Amino acid sequence: MLAKRRVTGGKVRVSFSLPGELDAEQVAVCGEFTDWEPTIAMKRSKTGEWKASVVLEAGRRYRFRYLLNGVRWENDPGADDSEPNPYGGDDSVVQV
């Protein structure tokens, strides 16, 4: 699930969340905004959900996916859109 909140300077804070029932010990948000590196680790909240946020430039679309346990890619069913990737799958898209 995605949530967006405008911040100053033409930026938008995008919050990512996934249900706590995921079969994962580690989850990272990867995308064009991280050069697809797992640099944004998601943390478990008190309710068990996986959560992370990032500030992105407004007026753009960004591809992203979740990386579970460093090996399994998952899309966000609540993403704004999806687009085919060059590996035969799809990427989630967030519009900010």
C-alpha atoms as a PDB file:
ATOM      1  CA  MET A   1       0.000   0.000   0.000  1.00  0.00           C
ATOM      2  CA  LEU A   2       1.167   3.521  -0.784  1.00  0.00           C
ATOM      3  CA  ALA A   3       0.475   6.808   0.956  1.00  0.00           C
ATOM      4  CA  LYS A   4       1.671  10.210  -0.269  1.00  0.00           C
ATOM      5  CA  ARG A   5       2.108  13.537   1.472  1.00  0.00           C
ATOM      6  CA  ARG A   6       3.474  16.691  -0.127  1.00  0.00           C
ATOM      7  CA  VAL A   7       6.460  18.247   1.614  1.00  0.00           C
ATOM      8  CA  THR A   8       8.306  21.476   0.818  1.00  0.00           C
ATOM      9  CA  GLY A   9      10.348  22.177  -2.300  1.00  0.00           C
ATOM     10  CA  GLY A  10       8.302  20.199  -4.842  1.00  0.00           C
ATOM     11  CA  LYS A  11       8.857  16.927  -3.010  1.00  0.00           C
ATOM     12  CA  VAL A  12       6.476  14.189  -1.916  1.00  0.00           C
ATOM     13  CA  ARG A  13       6.957  11.752   0.969  1.00  0.00           C
ATOM     14  CA  VAL A  14       5.886   8.302  -0.205  1.00  0.00           C
ATOM     15  CA  SER A  15       5.167   5.758   2.527  1.00  0.00           C
ATOM     16  CA  PHE A  16       5.268   2.087   1.607  1.00  0.00           C
ATOM     17  CA  SER A  17       3.602  -0.596   3.719  1.00  0.00           C
ATOM     18  CA  LEU A  18       3.092  -4.341   3.437  1.00  0.00           C
ATOM     19  CA  PRO A  19       1.131  -6.722   5.663  1.00  0.00           C
ATOM     20  CA  GLY A  20       2.963  -8.376   8.530  1.00  0.00           C
ATOM     21  CA  GLU A  21       1.886 -11.824   7.351  1.00  0.00           C
ATOM     22  CA  LEU A  22       4.545 -11.825   4.627  1.00  0.00           C
ATOM     23  CA  ASP A  23       6.830 -14.833   4.719  1.00  0.00           C
ATOM     24  CA  ALA A  24       9.971 -12.709   5.117  1.00  0.00           C
ATOM     25  CA  GLU A  25      12.665 -11.851   7.620  1.00  0.00           C
ATOM     26  CA  GLN A  26      13.895  -8.815   5.651  1.00  0.00           C
ATOM     27  CA  VAL A  27      12.111  -6.529   3.201  1.00  0.00           C
ATOM     28  CA  ALA A  28      13.564  -3.653   1.167  1.00  0.00           C
ATOM     29  CA  VAL A  29      12.034  -1.141  -1.246  1.00  0.00           C
ATOM     30  CA  CYS A  30      14.059  -1.017  -4.464  1.00  0.00           C
ATOM     31  CA  GLY A  31      13.452   1.096  -7.519  1.00  0.00           C
ATOM     32  CA  GLU A  32      14.611   3.768  -9.873  1.00  0.00           C
ATOM     33  CA  PHE A  33      15.070   6.035  -6.857  1.00  0.00           C
ATOM     34  CA  THR A  34      17.669   3.610  -5.369  1.00  0.00           C
ATOM     35  CA  ASP A  35      19.256   2.441  -8.652  1.00  0.00           C
ATOM     36  CA  TRP A  36      17.503  -0.855  -7.816  1.00  0.00           C
ATOM     37  CA  GLU A  37      19.761  -1.384  -4.795  1.00  0.00           C
ATOM     38  CA  PRO A  38      18.122  -2.586  -1.536  1.00  0.00           C
ATOM     39  CA  THR A  39      19.122   0.555   0.380  1.00  0.00           C
ATOM     40  CA  ILE A  40      15.684   1.313   1.869  1.00  0.00           C
ATOM     41  CA  ALA A  41      15.080  -1.354   4.491  1.00  0.00           C
ATOM     42  CA  MET A  42      11.510  -1.712   5.685  1.00  0.00           C
ATOM     43  CA  LYS A  43      10.950  -1.967   9.433  1.00  0.00           C
ATOM     44  CA  ARG A  44       8.212  -3.789  11.300  1.00  0.00           C
ATOM     45  CA  SER A  45       5.759  -1.473  13.037  1.00  0.00           C
ATOM     46  CA  LYS A  46       4.130  -2.169  16.401  1.00  0.00           C
ATOM     47  CA  THR A  47       1.175  -3.642  14.482  1.00  0.00           C
ATOM     48  CA  GLY A  48       3.478  -6.011  12.561  1.00  0.00           C
ATOM     49  CA  GLU A  49       3.270  -4.235   9.203  1.00  0.00           C
ATOM     50  CA  TRP A  50       6.406  -3.620   7.163  1.00  0.00           C
ATOM     51  CA  LYS A  51       6.927   0.143   6.628  1.00  0.00           C
ATOM     52  CA  ALA A  52       9.352   2.552   4.983  1.00  0.00           C
ATOM     53  CA  SER A  53       9.197   6.003   3.455  1.00  0.00           C
ATOM     54  CA  VAL A  54      11.208   8.063   0.996  1.00  0.00           C
ATOM     55  CA  VAL A  55      11.016  11.646  -0.267  1.00  0.00           C
ATOM     56  CA  LEU A  56      10.766  11.856  -4.058  1.00  0.00           C
ATOM     57  CA  GLU A  57      10.618  14.648  -6.598  1.00  0.00           C
ATOM     58  CA  ALA A  58       7.022  15.556  -7.528  1.00  0.00           C
ATOM     59  CA  GLY A  59       5.699  15.274 -11.080  1.00  0.00           C
ATOM     60  CA  ARG A  60       7.392  11.972 -11.901  1.00  0.00           C
ATOM     61  CA  ARG A  61       6.644   8.266 -12.154  1.00  0.00           C
ATOM     62  CA  TYR A  62       8.981   5.830 -10.452  1.00  0.00           C
ATOM     63  CA  ARG A  63       9.234   2.064 -10.947  1.00  0.00           C
ATOM     64  CA  PHE A  64       9.759   0.022  -7.808  1.00  0.00           C
ATOM     65  CA  ARG A  65       9.444  -3.443  -6.279  1.00  0.00           C
ATOM     66  CA  TYR A  66       9.917  -5.076  -2.894  1.00  0.00           C
ATOM     67  CA  LEU A  67      12.843  -7.434  -2.316  1.00  0.00           C
ATOM     68  CA  LEU A  68      12.089 -10.110   0.287  1.00  0.00           C
ATOM     69  CA  ASN A  69      14.966 -11.885   2.046  1.00  0.00           C
ATOM     70  CA  GLY A  70      17.344 -10.587  -0.630  1.00  0.00           C
ATOM     71  CA  VAL A  71      16.050 -13.052  -3.243  1.00  0.00           C
ATOM     72  CA  ARG A  72      12.316 -12.749  -3.994  1.00  0.00           C
ATOM     73  CA  TRP A  73      10.811  -9.798  -5.870  1.00  0.00           C
ATOM     74  CA  GLU A  74       7.227  -8.753  -5.156  1.00  0.00           C
ATOM     75  CA  ASN A  75       5.037  -6.015  -6.589  1.00  0.00           C
ATOM     76  CA  ASP A  76       2.709  -3.724  -4.678  1.00  0.00           C
ATOM     77  CA  PRO A  77      -0.953  -4.578  -5.400  1.00  0.00           C
ATOM     78  CA  GLY A  78      -1.866  -1.026  -4.308  1.00  0.00           C
ATOM     79  CA  ALA A  79       0.573   0.687  -6.695  1.00  0.00           C
ATOM     80  CA  ASP A  80      -0.639   3.479  -8.948  1.00  0.00           C
ATOM     81  CA  ASP A  81       0.230   1.468 -12.065  1.00  0.00           C
ATOM     82  CA  SER A  82       2.479  -1.295 -13.363  1.00  0.00           C
ATOM     83  CA  GLU A  83       4.773  -1.487 -16.378  1.00  0.00           C
ATOM     84  CA  PRO A  84       6.578  -4.385 -18.063  1.00  0.00           C
ATOM     85  CA  ASN A  85      10.253  -4.697 -17.213  1.00  0.00           C
ATOM     86  CA  PRO A  86      13.020  -6.086 -19.462  1.00  0.00           C
ATOM     87  CA  TYR A  87      13.135  -9.347 -17.456  1.00  0.00           C
ATOM     88  CA  GLY A  88       9.722 -10.638 -18.509  1.00  0.00           C
ATOM     89  CA  GLY A  89       7.841  -9.404 -15.439  1.00  0.00           C
ATOM     90  CA  ASP A  90       6.228  -6.197 -14.299  1.00  0.00           C
ATOM     91  CA  ASP A  91       7.345  -3.389 -12.010  1.00  0.00           C
ATOM     92  CA  SER A  92       5.056  -1.441  -9.712  1.00  0.00           C
ATOM     93  CA  VAL A  93       4.790   2.293 -10.418  1.00  0.00           C
ATOM     94  CA  VAL A  94       4.207   5.210  -8.053  1.00  0.00           C
ATOM     95  CA  GLN A  95       3.097   8.559  -9.514  1.00  0.00           C
ATOM     96  CA  VAL A  96       4.123  11.556  -7.392  1.00  0.00           C
END
